[in-house]
Amino acid sequence: MELVPEDEDRETYILNMGPQHPSTHGVLRLRLHLEGERILECDPVIGYAHRAHEKMAENRDYLQFLPNTSRLDYLSGMIYNLGYCQAIEKAMQIEVPERAEYIRIIVGELNRISSHLLWMGTYLLDLGGITPFLYGFDDREKILDLLDYVTGSRLTYSYGRFGGVTMDVDEVFLRNVADFCDYFRGRLEEIHKLVTGNVIFRHRTRGVGVMGADLGLSYGVTGPCLRAAGVARDVRKDEPYGIYDRFEFEVPTEVEGDCFGRHMVRMSEMEQSIGLVEQAMRDIPDGPIMAAKVPKRIRPPAGDHYFAVESARGHFGI
């Protein structure tokens, strides 16, 4: 990918970023041609994190593959796990109980916030900000404790089931989630003061790494990165699944398409997710958490089926 034409009179150097690099931890290698901090050319080498999930699925039934879905992205495994369950439910017309739908909203949006917090912490650590890194991981730890309480796991949850969820939530969990929401709204304001308003952070991120809407769409970019370029695309709003059409929330966008815009989108998305969690806890009904009639053998009708959800990183289709 040629970014800036090279000039013979320029002094350039080649930097191998990854695969063993503090900011990539083994996921890919980038061969960069640099002039100072300006990237002239980038040769990406991908595939280091390939784990053959599709190949494994060929030798497993639908229920046996369910634990794999939480490992597609261990930072937001809940969303992928529930998305897989919803795909099967749509294909087989399984009706999920109301209480389970609300629980899915609560745990899914908490998982989205935890993923964004890790992004924020590691992103700012790459810029030399140690304190924001600790802020992000401290708050993420609170969410992981909440999810661990209800699922028994901190990362790879396997909480969803075809027709509902594995375990009900109790009053202790709901009260702790409500306390976290009250706390986290104030925490977001504190992070804005510490990071967003920081003049050094603004100078390091404004106008840097610009990706316009046309370029993003041509490369198939989705999620916060595309919304930071001004495209208000969110599956939860455009093609509501589950009960998202009952909730009020905005799709945050920025227009610059730079690093600062991507930070702002994720910060705003965390605020929107808190609102979704609060609405779900306010309206959650009593009742069962599993569908009354789920076939013992899961066999979707023959043919092609497609279902999409909005993960923390963007559009996830299965």
C-alpha atoms as a PDB file:
ATOM      1  CA  MET A   1       0.000   0.000   0.000  1.00  0.00           C
ATOM      2  CA  GLU A   2       1.678   3.200  -1.198  1.00  0.00           C
ATOM      3  CA  LEU A   3       0.823   6.103   1.090  1.00  0.00           C
ATOM      4  CA  VAL A   4       3.275   8.829   0.102  1.00  0.00           C
ATOM      5  CA  PRO A   5       5.501   8.776  -3.005  1.00  0.00           C
ATOM      6  CA  GLU A   6       9.153   8.323  -2.094  1.00  0.00           C
ATOM      7  CA  ASP A   7      11.710  10.907  -3.116  1.00  0.00           C
ATOM      8  CA  GLU A   8      15.291   9.860  -3.817  1.00  0.00           C
ATOM      9  CA  ASP A   9      16.570  12.862  -1.857  1.00  0.00           C
ATOM     10  CA  ARG A  10      14.687  11.855   1.282  1.00  0.00           C
ATOM     11  CA  GLU A  11      16.380  10.049   4.132  1.00  0.00           C
ATOM     12  CA  THR A  12      14.166   7.065   4.878  1.00  0.00           C
ATOM     13  CA  TYR A  13      14.550   3.916   6.890  1.00  0.00           C
ATOM     14  CA  ILE A  14      12.732   0.586   7.173  1.00  0.00           C
ATOM     15  CA  LEU A  15      11.162  -0.528  10.450  1.00  0.00           C
ATOM     16  CA  ASN A  16       9.728  -3.975  11.141  1.00  0.00           C
ATOM     17  CA  MET A  17       6.778  -3.456  13.483  1.00  0.00           C
ATOM     18  CA  GLY A  18       5.902  -6.904  14.822  1.00  0.00           C
ATOM     19  CA  PRO A  19       5.075  -9.654  14.922  1.00  0.00           C
ATOM     20  CA  GLN A  20       6.763  -9.538  18.347  1.00  0.00           C
ATOM     21  CA  HIS A  21       6.191  -5.906  19.210  1.00  0.00           C
ATOM     22  CA  PRO A  22       4.780  -4.393  22.431  1.00  0.00           C
ATOM     23  CA  SER A  23       1.846  -2.794  20.596  1.00  0.00           C
ATOM     24  CA  THR A  24       0.909  -5.787  18.419  1.00  0.00           C
ATOM     25  CA  HIS A  25       1.683  -8.815  20.679  1.00  0.00           C
ATOM     26  CA  GLY A  26       1.998 -11.255  17.823  1.00  0.00           C
ATOM     27  CA  VAL A  27      -1.037 -10.497  15.659  1.00  0.00           C
ATOM     28  CA  LEU A  28       0.662  -9.158  12.530  1.00  0.00           C
ATOM     29  CA  ARG A  29       3.826  -7.744  11.026  1.00  0.00           C
ATOM     30  CA  LEU A  30       4.111  -4.336   9.376  1.00  0.00           C
ATOM     31  CA  ARG A  31       7.126  -3.519   7.214  1.00  0.00           C
ATOM     32  CA  LEU A  32       7.207   0.267   7.350  1.00  0.00           C
ATOM     33  CA  HIS A  33       9.139   2.742   5.222  1.00  0.00           C
ATOM     34  CA  LEU A  34       9.462   5.826   7.412  1.00  0.00           C
ATOM     35  CA  GLU A  35      10.555   9.415   7.205  1.00  0.00           C
ATOM     36  CA  GLY A  36      10.663  10.405  10.837  1.00  0.00           C
ATOM     37  CA  GLU A  37       7.186   9.473  12.125  1.00  0.00           C
ATOM     38  CA  ARG A  38       5.628   9.720   8.667  1.00  0.00           C
ATOM     39  CA  ILE A  39       4.780   6.426   6.962  1.00  0.00           C
ATOM     40  CA  LEU A  40       5.744   6.429   3.294  1.00  0.00           C
ATOM     41  CA  GLU A  41       4.916   2.802   2.560  1.00  0.00           C
ATOM     42  CA  CYS A  42       3.447  -0.138   4.471  1.00  0.00           C
ATOM     43  CA  ASP A  43       3.663  -3.847   3.650  1.00  0.00           C
ATOM     44  CA  PRO A  44       1.319  -5.771   5.999  1.00  0.00           C
ATOM     45  CA  VAL A  45       1.853  -9.461   6.723  1.00  0.00           C
ATOM     46  CA  ILE A  46      -1.213 -10.989   8.378  1.00  0.00           C
ATOM     47  CA  GLY A  47      -2.302 -14.422   9.547  1.00  0.00           C
ATOM     48  CA  TYR A  48      -0.307 -14.790  12.757  1.00  0.00           C
ATOM     49  CA  ALA A  49      -3.489 -15.062  14.839  1.00  0.00           C
ATOM     50  CA  HIS A  50      -5.290 -17.480  12.520  1.00  0.00           C
ATOM     51  CA  ARG A  51      -6.737 -20.338  14.594  1.00  0.00           C
ATOM     52  CA  ALA A  52      -8.773 -22.320  12.029  1.00  0.00           C
ATOM     53  CA  HIS A  53     -12.164 -21.812  13.692  1.00  0.00           C
ATOM     54  CA  GLU A  54     -14.009 -22.475  10.435  1.00  0.00           C
ATOM     55  CA  LYS A  55     -12.082 -25.708   9.917  1.00  0.00           C
ATOM     56  CA  MET A  56     -12.873 -26.823  13.467  1.00  0.00           C
ATOM     57  CA  ALA A  57     -16.553 -26.084  12.851  1.00  0.00           C
ATOM     58  CA  GLU A  58     -16.603 -28.653  10.049  1.00  0.00           C
ATOM     59  CA  ASN A  59     -16.158 -31.470  12.583  1.00  0.00           C
ATOM     60  CA  ARG A  60     -18.451 -30.198  15.338  1.00  0.00           C
ATOM     61  CA  ASP A  61     -22.173 -29.781  15.687  1.00  0.00           C
ATOM     62  CA  TYR A  62     -23.736 -26.404  16.418  1.00  0.00           C
ATOM     63  CA  LEU A  63     -23.697 -26.806  20.197  1.00  0.00           C
ATOM     64  CA  GLN A  64     -20.116 -28.112  20.293  1.00  0.00           C
ATOM     65  CA  PHE A  65     -18.923 -25.053  18.378  1.00  0.00           C
ATOM     66  CA  LEU A  66     -20.538 -22.625  20.805  1.00  0.00           C
ATOM     67  CA  PRO A  67     -17.436 -22.259  23.073  1.00  0.00           C
ATOM     68  CA  ASN A  68     -15.369 -21.263  20.025  1.00  0.00           C
ATOM     69  CA  THR A  69     -17.487 -18.173  19.486  1.00  0.00           C
ATOM     70  CA  SER A  70     -16.286 -16.555  22.716  1.00  0.00           C
ATOM     71  CA  ARG A  71     -12.729 -16.970  21.446  1.00  0.00           C
ATOM     72  CA  LEU A  72     -13.173 -15.232  18.094  1.00  0.00           C
ATOM     73  CA  ASP A  73     -12.406 -11.985  19.921  1.00  0.00           C
ATOM     74  CA  TYR A  74     -11.600 -12.590  23.558  1.00  0.00           C
ATOM     75  CA  LEU A  75     -11.973  -8.871  24.351  1.00  0.00           C
ATOM     76  CA  SER A  76     -15.684  -8.918  23.467  1.00  0.00           C
ATOM     77  CA  GLY A  77     -16.441 -12.629  23.452  1.00  0.00           C
ATOM     78  CA  MET A  78     -19.939 -12.118  24.868  1.00  0.00           C
ATOM     79  CA  ILE A  79     -21.113 -10.250  21.769  1.00  0.00           C
ATOM     80  CA  TYR A  80     -19.778 -12.906  19.395  1.00  0.00           C
ATOM     81  CA  ASN A  81     -21.233 -15.706  21.509  1.00  0.00           C
ATOM     82  CA  LEU A  82     -24.686 -14.122  21.619  1.00  0.00           C
ATOM     83  CA  GLY A  83     -24.513 -13.251  17.918  1.00  0.00           C
ATOM     84  CA  TYR A  84     -23.918 -16.903  17.057  1.00  0.00           C
ATOM     85  CA  CYS A  85     -26.877 -17.956  19.210  1.00  0.00           C
ATOM     86  CA  GLN A  86     -29.114 -15.364  17.568  1.00  0.00           C
ATOM     87  CA  ALA A  87     -28.120 -16.593  14.116  1.00  0.00           C
ATOM     88  CA  ILE A  88     -29.258 -20.129  14.983  1.00  0.00           C
ATOM     89  CA  GLU A  89     -32.417 -18.809  16.633  1.00  0.00           C
ATOM     90  CA  LYS A  90     -33.325 -16.821  13.543  1.00  0.00           C
ATOM     91  CA  ALA A  91     -32.714 -19.783  11.221  1.00  0.00           C
ATOM     92  CA  MET A  92     -34.767 -22.151  13.389  1.00  0.00           C
ATOM     93  CA  GLN A  93     -37.385 -19.588  14.487  1.00  0.00           C
ATOM     94  CA  ILE A  94     -36.680 -20.116  18.186  1.00  0.00           C
ATOM     95  CA  GLU A  95     -38.438 -17.500  20.322  1.00  0.00           C
ATOM     96  CA  VAL A  96     -36.276 -16.164  23.150  1.00  0.00           C
ATOM     97  CA  PRO A  97     -38.006 -15.217  26.448  1.00  0.00           C
ATOM     98  CA  GLU A  98     -38.263 -11.521  27.241  1.00  0.00           C
ATOM     99  CA  ARG A  99     -36.107 -11.707  30.369  1.00  0.00           C
ATOM    100  CA  ALA A 100     -33.290 -13.414  28.464  1.00  0.00           C
ATOM    101  CA  GLU A 101     -33.407 -10.700  25.785  1.00  0.00           C
ATOM    102  CA  TYR A 102     -32.930  -7.979  28.398  1.00  0.00           C
ATOM    103  CA  ILE A 103     -30.133  -9.898  30.093  1.00  0.00           C
ATOM    104  CA  ARG A 104     -28.376 -10.179  26.731  1.00  0.00           C
ATOM    105  CA  ILE A 105     -28.512  -6.408  26.312  1.00  0.00           C
ATOM    106  CA  ILE A 106     -27.023  -5.834  29.770  1.00  0.00           C
ATOM    107  CA  VAL A 107     -24.114  -8.264  29.502  1.00  0.00           C
ATOM    108  CA  GLY A 108     -23.442  -7.450  25.841  1.00  0.00           C
ATOM    109  CA  GLU A 109     -23.148  -3.705  26.401  1.00  0.00           C
ATOM    110  CA  LEU A 110     -21.000  -4.191  29.499  1.00  0.00           C
ATOM    111  CA  ASN A 111     -18.709  -6.336  27.363  1.00  0.00           C
ATOM    112  CA  ARG A 112     -18.587  -3.583  24.724  1.00  0.00           C
ATOM    113  CA  ILE A 113     -17.482  -1.060  27.340  1.00  0.00           C
ATOM    114  CA  SER A 114     -14.761  -3.389  28.650  1.00  0.00           C
ATOM    115  CA  SER A 115     -13.394  -3.811  25.114  1.00  0.00           C
ATOM    116  CA  HIS A 116     -13.342  -0.050  24.541  1.00  0.00           C
ATOM    117  CA  LEU A 117     -11.592   0.501  27.869  1.00  0.00           C
ATOM    118  CA  LEU A 118      -8.807  -1.879  26.906  1.00  0.00           C
ATOM    119  CA  TRP A 119      -8.479  -0.093  23.560  1.00  0.00           C
ATOM    120  CA  MET A 120      -8.270   3.271  25.297  1.00  0.00           C
ATOM    121  CA  GLY A 121      -5.708   2.099  27.840  1.00  0.00           C
ATOM    122  CA  THR A 122      -3.348   0.414  25.382  1.00  0.00           C
ATOM    123  CA  TYR A 123      -3.737   3.212  22.828  1.00  0.00           C
ATOM    124  CA  LEU A 124      -2.714   5.845  25.333  1.00  0.00           C
ATOM    125  CA  LEU A 125       0.092   3.644  26.623  1.00  0.00           C
ATOM    126  CA  ASP A 126       1.523   3.625  23.086  1.00  0.00           C
ATOM    127  CA  LEU A 127       1.468   7.428  23.284  1.00  0.00           C
ATOM    128  CA  GLY A 128       3.335   7.353  26.590  1.00  0.00           C
ATOM    129  CA  GLY A 129       0.347   7.827  28.908  1.00  0.00           C
ATOM    130  CA  ILE A 130       0.763   5.408  31.796  1.00  0.00           C
ATOM    131  CA  THR A 131      -1.923   6.911  34.049  1.00  0.00           C
ATOM    132  CA  PRO A 132      -4.801   6.609  31.515  1.00  0.00           C
ATOM    133  CA  PHE A 133      -3.699   3.020  30.896  1.00  0.00           C
ATOM    134  CA  LEU A 134      -4.205   2.257  34.587  1.00  0.00           C
ATOM    135  CA  TYR A 135      -7.546   4.076  34.581  1.00  0.00           C
ATOM    136  CA  GLY A 136      -8.786   1.963  31.680  1.00  0.00           C
ATOM    137  CA  PHE A 137      -7.699  -1.355  33.138  1.00  0.00           C
ATOM    138  CA  ASP A 138      -9.010  -0.508  36.606  1.00  0.00           C
ATOM    139  CA  ASP A 139     -12.504   0.186  35.256  1.00  0.00           C
ATOM    140  CA  ARG A 140     -12.353  -2.815  32.925  1.00  0.00           C
ATOM    141  CA  GLU A 141     -11.563  -4.996  35.927  1.00  0.00           C
ATOM    142  CA  LYS A 142     -14.806  -3.890  37.560  1.00  0.00           C
ATOM    143  CA  ILE A 143     -16.765  -5.042  34.504  1.00  0.00           C
ATOM    144  CA  LEU A 144     -14.919  -8.351  34.340  1.00  0.00           C
ATOM    145  CA  ASP A 145     -15.836  -8.968  37.981  1.00  0.00           C
ATOM    146  CA  LEU A 146     -19.501  -8.319  37.164  1.00  0.00           C
ATOM    147  CA  LEU A 147     -19.479 -10.688  34.194  1.00  0.00           C
ATOM    148  CA  ASP A 148     -17.550 -13.284  36.178  1.00  0.00           C
ATOM    149  CA  TYR A 149     -20.246 -13.160  38.855  1.00  0.00           C
ATOM    150  CA  VAL A 150     -23.020 -14.108  36.444  1.00  0.00           C
ATOM    151  CA  THR A 151     -21.160 -16.305  33.932  1.00  0.00           C
ATOM    152  CA  GLY A 152     -18.323 -17.877  35.932  1.00  0.00           C
ATOM    153  CA  SER A 153     -15.699 -16.593  33.499  1.00  0.00           C
ATOM    154  CA  ARG A 154     -13.786 -13.374  32.955  1.00  0.00           C
ATOM    155  CA  LEU A 155     -13.175 -13.539  29.196  1.00  0.00           C
ATOM    156  CA  THR A 156     -14.469 -16.615  27.363  1.00  0.00           C
ATOM    157  CA  TYR A 157     -18.019 -16.675  28.643  1.00  0.00           C
ATOM    158  CA  SER A 158     -20.058 -19.178  26.579  1.00  0.00           C
ATOM    159  CA  TYR A 159     -23.018 -17.579  28.359  1.00  0.00           C
ATOM    160  CA  GLY A 160     -25.492 -17.678  25.503  1.00  0.00           C
ATOM    161  CA  ARG A 161     -27.553 -20.728  24.636  1.00  0.00           C
ATOM    162  CA  PHE A 162     -29.884 -21.382  21.735  1.00  0.00           C
ATOM    163  CA  GLY A 163     -33.103 -19.962  23.133  1.00  0.00           C
ATOM    164  CA  GLY A 164     -31.745 -17.912  26.023  1.00  0.00           C
ATOM    165  CA  VAL A 165     -28.848 -17.762  28.486  1.00  0.00           C
ATOM    166  CA  THR A 166     -27.268 -20.272  30.865  1.00  0.00           C
ATOM    167  CA  MET A 167     -27.962 -18.574  34.193  1.00  0.00           C
ATOM    168  CA  ASP A 168     -30.340 -15.941  35.512  1.00  0.00           C
ATOM    169  CA  VAL A 169     -29.178 -12.682  37.068  1.00  0.00           C
ATOM    170  CA  ASP A 170     -30.055 -11.898  40.676  1.00  0.00           C
ATOM    171  CA  GLU A 171     -30.711  -8.689  42.574  1.00  0.00           C
ATOM    172  CA  VAL A 172     -27.113  -8.520  43.773  1.00  0.00           C
ATOM    173  CA  PHE A 173     -25.845  -8.461  40.197  1.00  0.00           C
ATOM    174  CA  LEU A 174     -28.384  -5.850  39.080  1.00  0.00           C
ATOM    175  CA  ARG A 175     -27.598  -3.655  42.083  1.00  0.00           C
ATOM    176  CA  ASN A 176     -23.858  -3.897  41.420  1.00  0.00           C
ATOM    177  CA  VAL A 177     -24.393  -3.039  37.754  1.00  0.00           C
ATOM    178  CA  ALA A 178     -26.487  -0.011  38.729  1.00  0.00           C
ATOM    179  CA  ASP A 179     -23.732   1.148  41.091  1.00  0.00           C
ATOM    180  CA  PHE A 180     -21.155   0.723  38.336  1.00  0.00           C
ATOM    181  CA  CYS A 181     -23.236   2.773  35.890  1.00  0.00           C
ATOM    182  CA  ASP A 182     -23.521   5.628  38.391  1.00  0.00           C
ATOM    183  CA  TYR A 183     -19.783   5.480  39.033  1.00  0.00           C
ATOM    184  CA  PHE A 184     -18.740   5.157  35.397  1.00  0.00           C
ATOM    185  CA  ARG A 185     -20.603   8.239  34.172  1.00  0.00           C
ATOM    186  CA  GLY A 186     -18.450  10.339  36.468  1.00  0.00           C
ATOM    187  CA  ARG A 187     -15.386   8.364  35.465  1.00  0.00           C
ATOM    188  CA  LEU A 188     -15.950   9.179  31.790  1.00  0.00           C
ATOM    189  CA  GLU A 189     -15.982  12.885  32.620  1.00  0.00           C
ATOM    190  CA  GLU A 190     -12.724  12.421  34.514  1.00  0.00           C
ATOM    191  CA  ILE A 191     -11.129  10.628  31.535  1.00  0.00           C
ATOM    192  CA  HIS A 192     -12.259  13.434  29.230  1.00  0.00           C
ATOM    193  CA  LYS A 193     -10.513  15.958  31.482  1.00  0.00           C
ATOM    194  CA  LEU A 194      -7.397  13.816  31.757  1.00  0.00           C
ATOM    195  CA  VAL A 195      -7.117  12.752  28.109  1.00  0.00           C
ATOM    196  CA  THR A 196      -9.475  14.444  25.653  1.00  0.00           C
ATOM    197  CA  GLY A 197      -8.661  17.938  26.848  1.00  0.00           C
ATOM    198  CA  ASN A 198      -4.927  17.256  27.086  1.00  0.00           C
ATOM    199  CA  VAL A 199      -3.046  19.498  24.664  1.00  0.00           C
ATOM    200  CA  ILE A 200      -0.300  16.918  24.080  1.00  0.00           C
ATOM    201  CA  PHE A 201      -2.846  14.211  23.265  1.00  0.00           C
ATOM    202  CA  ARG A 202      -4.625  16.518  20.828  1.00  0.00           C
ATOM    203  CA  HIS A 203      -1.389  17.428  19.055  1.00  0.00           C
ATOM    204  CA  ARG A 204      -0.434  13.754  18.744  1.00  0.00           C
ATOM    205  CA  THR A 205      -3.812  12.617  17.378  1.00  0.00           C
ATOM    206  CA  ARG A 206      -5.471  15.433  15.413  1.00  0.00           C
ATOM    207  CA  GLY A 207      -4.892  15.078  11.681  1.00  0.00           C
ATOM    208  CA  VAL A 208      -2.958  11.833  12.217  1.00  0.00           C
ATOM    209  CA  GLY A 209      -3.926   8.540  10.573  1.00  0.00           C
ATOM    210  CA  VAL A 210      -6.696  10.127   8.531  1.00  0.00           C
ATOM    211  CA  MET A 211      -9.079   7.728   6.792  1.00  0.00           C
ATOM    212  CA  GLY A 212     -11.978   9.258   4.892  1.00  0.00           C
ATOM    213  CA  ALA A 213     -15.373   7.652   4.420  1.00  0.00           C
ATOM    214  CA  ASP A 214     -14.741   6.645   0.802  1.00  0.00           C
ATOM    215  CA  LEU A 215     -11.436   4.964   1.636  1.00  0.00           C
ATOM    216  CA  GLY A 216     -12.937   3.186   4.628  1.00  0.00           C
ATOM    217  CA  LEU A 217     -15.899   1.874   2.657  1.00  0.00           C
ATOM    218  CA  SER A 218     -13.669   0.709  -0.194  1.00  0.00           C
ATOM    219  CA  TYR A 219     -11.617  -1.380   2.253  1.00  0.00           C
ATOM    220  CA  GLY A 220     -14.675  -2.758   4.061  1.00  0.00           C
ATOM    221  CA  VAL A 221     -13.964  -0.931   7.325  1.00  0.00           C
ATOM    222  CA  THR A 222     -16.806  -0.977   9.874  1.00  0.00           C
ATOM    223  CA  GLY A 223     -17.372  -0.047  13.499  1.00  0.00           C
ATOM    224  CA  PRO A 224     -15.848   2.920  15.357  1.00  0.00           C
ATOM    225  CA  CYS A 225     -13.194   3.476  12.680  1.00  0.00           C
ATOM    226  CA  LEU A 226     -15.831   4.022   9.982  1.00  0.00           C
ATOM    227  CA  ARG A 227     -18.081   6.070  12.243  1.00  0.00           C
ATOM    228  CA  ALA A 228     -15.107   8.329  13.017  1.00  0.00           C
ATOM    229  CA  ALA A 229     -15.059   9.106   9.277  1.00  0.00           C
ATOM    230  CA  GLY A 230     -18.663  10.301   9.351  1.00  0.00           C
ATOM    231  CA  VAL A 231     -20.583   7.143   8.365  1.00  0.00           C
ATOM    232  CA  ALA A 232     -23.370   6.505  10.894  1.00  0.00           C
ATOM    233  CA  ARG A 233     -23.490   2.748  10.297  1.00  0.00           C
ATOM    234  CA  ASP A 234     -24.476   0.615  13.301  1.00  0.00           C
ATOM    235  CA  VAL A 235     -26.250  -2.727  12.925  1.00  0.00           C
ATOM    236  CA  ARG A 236     -28.080  -2.191  16.220  1.00  0.00           C
ATOM    237  CA  LYS A 237     -29.748   0.888  14.732  1.00  0.00           C
ATOM    238  CA  ASP A 238     -29.908   0.080  11.000  1.00  0.00           C
ATOM    239  CA  GLU A 239     -30.939  -3.582  11.265  1.00  0.00           C
ATOM    240  CA  PRO A 240     -32.089  -3.994  14.889  1.00  0.00           C
ATOM    241  CA  TYR A 241     -31.714  -7.493  16.280  1.00  0.00           C
ATOM    242  CA  GLY A 242     -32.956  -8.881  19.575  1.00  0.00           C
ATOM    243  CA  ILE A 243     -34.874  -6.046  21.242  1.00  0.00           C
ATOM    244  CA  TYR A 244     -32.587  -3.136  20.336  1.00  0.00           C
ATOM    245  CA  ASP A 245     -35.477  -1.446  18.516  1.00  0.00           C
ATOM    246  CA  ARG A 246     -37.095  -0.793  21.913  1.00  0.00           C
ATOM    247  CA  PHE A 247     -34.181   1.268  23.211  1.00  0.00           C
ATOM    248  CA  GLU A 248     -33.224   4.888  22.739  1.00  0.00           C
ATOM    249  CA  PHE A 249     -29.587   5.490  21.827  1.00  0.00           C
ATOM    250  CA  GLU A 250     -27.524   7.520  19.398  1.00  0.00           C
ATOM    251  CA  VAL A 251     -24.862   6.420  16.919  1.00  0.00           C
ATOM    252  CA  PRO A 252     -21.833   8.653  17.660  1.00  0.00           C
ATOM    253  CA  THR A 253     -19.909   9.899  14.633  1.00  0.00           C
ATOM    254  CA  GLU A 254     -17.037  12.255  13.893  1.00  0.00           C
ATOM    255  CA  VAL A 255     -16.067  13.731  10.529  1.00  0.00           C
ATOM    256  CA  GLU A 256     -12.272  14.047  10.602  1.00  0.00           C
ATOM    257  CA  GLY A 257     -11.511  10.325  10.334  1.00  0.00           C
ATOM    258  CA  ASP A 258      -8.310  10.769  12.365  1.00  0.00           C
ATOM    259  CA  CYS A 259      -6.959   9.218  15.562  1.00  0.00           C
ATOM    260  CA  PHE A 260      -8.663  11.850  17.698  1.00  0.00           C
ATOM    261  CA  GLY A 261     -12.007  11.160  16.054  1.00  0.00           C
ATOM    262  CA  ARG A 262     -11.701   7.439  16.707  1.00  0.00           C
ATOM    263  CA  HIS A 263     -11.006   8.183  20.362  1.00  0.00           C
ATOM    264  CA  MET A 264     -14.053  10.437  20.580  1.00  0.00           C
ATOM    265  CA  VAL A 265     -16.347   7.872  18.952  1.00  0.00           C
ATOM    266  CA  ARG A 266     -15.370   5.170  21.421  1.00  0.00           C
ATOM    267  CA  MET A 267     -15.731   7.506  24.376  1.00  0.00           C
ATOM    268  CA  SER A 268     -19.235   8.443  23.217  1.00  0.00           C
ATOM    269  CA  GLU A 269     -20.118   4.804  22.555  1.00  0.00           C
ATOM    270  CA  MET A 270     -19.270   3.889  26.142  1.00  0.00           C
ATOM    271  CA  GLU A 271     -21.680   6.572  27.314  1.00  0.00           C
ATOM    272  CA  GLN A 272     -24.397   5.233  24.999  1.00  0.00           C
ATOM    273  CA  SER A 273     -23.794   1.691  26.254  1.00  0.00           C
ATOM    274  CA  ILE A 274     -24.277   2.835  29.848  1.00  0.00           C
ATOM    275  CA  GLY A 275     -27.618   4.301  28.790  1.00  0.00           C
ATOM    276  CA  LEU A 276     -28.637   1.014  27.167  1.00  0.00           C
ATOM    277  CA  VAL A 277     -27.713  -0.951  30.288  1.00  0.00           C
ATOM    278  CA  GLU A 278     -29.714   1.415  32.498  1.00  0.00           C
ATOM    279  CA  GLN A 279     -32.769   1.164  30.237  1.00  0.00           C
ATOM    280  CA  ALA A 280     -32.553  -2.634  30.206  1.00  0.00           C
ATOM    281  CA  MET A 281     -32.305  -2.842  34.000  1.00  0.00           C
ATOM    282  CA  ARG A 282     -35.250  -0.479  34.381  1.00  0.00           C
ATOM    283  CA  ASP A 283     -37.542  -2.550  32.147  1.00  0.00           C
ATOM    284  CA  ILE A 284     -36.311  -6.125  32.691  1.00  0.00           C
ATOM    285  CA  PRO A 285     -39.312  -8.387  33.369  1.00  0.00           C
ATOM    286  CA  ASP A 286     -39.607 -11.526  35.450  1.00  0.00           C
ATOM    287  CA  GLY A 287     -39.902 -14.866  33.744  1.00  0.00           C
ATOM    288  CA  PRO A 288     -37.906 -17.736  32.271  1.00  0.00           C
ATOM    289  CA  ILE A 289     -34.450 -17.348  30.744  1.00  0.00           C
ATOM    290  CA  MET A 290     -34.720 -20.230  28.263  1.00  0.00           C
ATOM    291  CA  ALA A 291     -37.197 -20.920  25.496  1.00  0.00           C
ATOM    292  CA  ALA A 292     -39.793 -23.543  26.337  1.00  0.00           C
ATOM    293  CA  LYS A 293     -39.247 -25.524  23.153  1.00  0.00           C
ATOM    294  CA  VAL A 294     -35.701 -25.927  21.877  1.00  0.00           C
ATOM    295  CA  PRO A 295     -34.989 -28.980  19.699  1.00  0.00           C
ATOM    296  CA  LYS A 296     -32.574 -31.447  21.253  1.00  0.00           C
ATOM    297  CA  ARG A 297     -30.750 -31.647  17.938  1.00  0.00           C
ATOM    298  CA  ILE A 298     -30.003 -28.291  16.368  1.00  0.00           C
ATOM    299  CA  ARG A 299     -30.530 -28.584  12.621  1.00  0.00           C
ATOM    300  CA  PRO A 300     -31.243 -25.318  10.794  1.00  0.00           C
ATOM    301  CA  PRO A 301     -33.128 -25.649   7.502  1.00  0.00           C
ATOM    302  CA  ALA A 302     -30.945 -26.437   4.507  1.00  0.00           C
ATOM    303  CA  GLY A 303     -29.700 -23.398   2.600  1.00  0.00           C
ATOM    304  CA  ASP A 304     -27.833 -20.179   3.304  1.00  0.00           C
ATOM    305  CA  HIS A 305     -28.510 -18.172   6.450  1.00  0.00           C
ATOM    306  CA  TYR A 306     -26.923 -14.877   7.480  1.00  0.00           C
ATOM    307  CA  PHE A 307     -27.116 -12.855  10.670  1.00  0.00           C
ATOM    308  CA  ALA A 308     -25.161  -9.767  11.733  1.00  0.00           C
ATOM    309  CA  VAL A 309     -24.534  -7.987  15.022  1.00  0.00           C
ATOM    310  CA  GLU A 310     -22.577  -4.890  15.994  1.00  0.00           C
ATOM    311  CA  SER A 311     -19.492  -6.016  17.883  1.00  0.00           C
ATOM    312  CA  ALA A 312     -17.137  -3.707  19.749  1.00  0.00           C
ATOM    313  CA  ARG A 313     -14.889  -3.648  16.674  1.00  0.00           C
ATOM    314  CA  GLY A 314     -17.606  -3.409  14.038  1.00  0.00           C
ATOM    315  CA  HIS A 315     -19.869  -5.503  11.842  1.00  0.00           C
ATOM    316  CA  PHE A 316     -19.810  -9.207  12.723  1.00  0.00           C
ATOM    317  CA  GLY A 317     -21.720 -11.452  10.331  1.00  0.00           C
ATOM    318  CA  ILE A 318     -22.201 -15.184  10.512  1.00  0.00           C
END
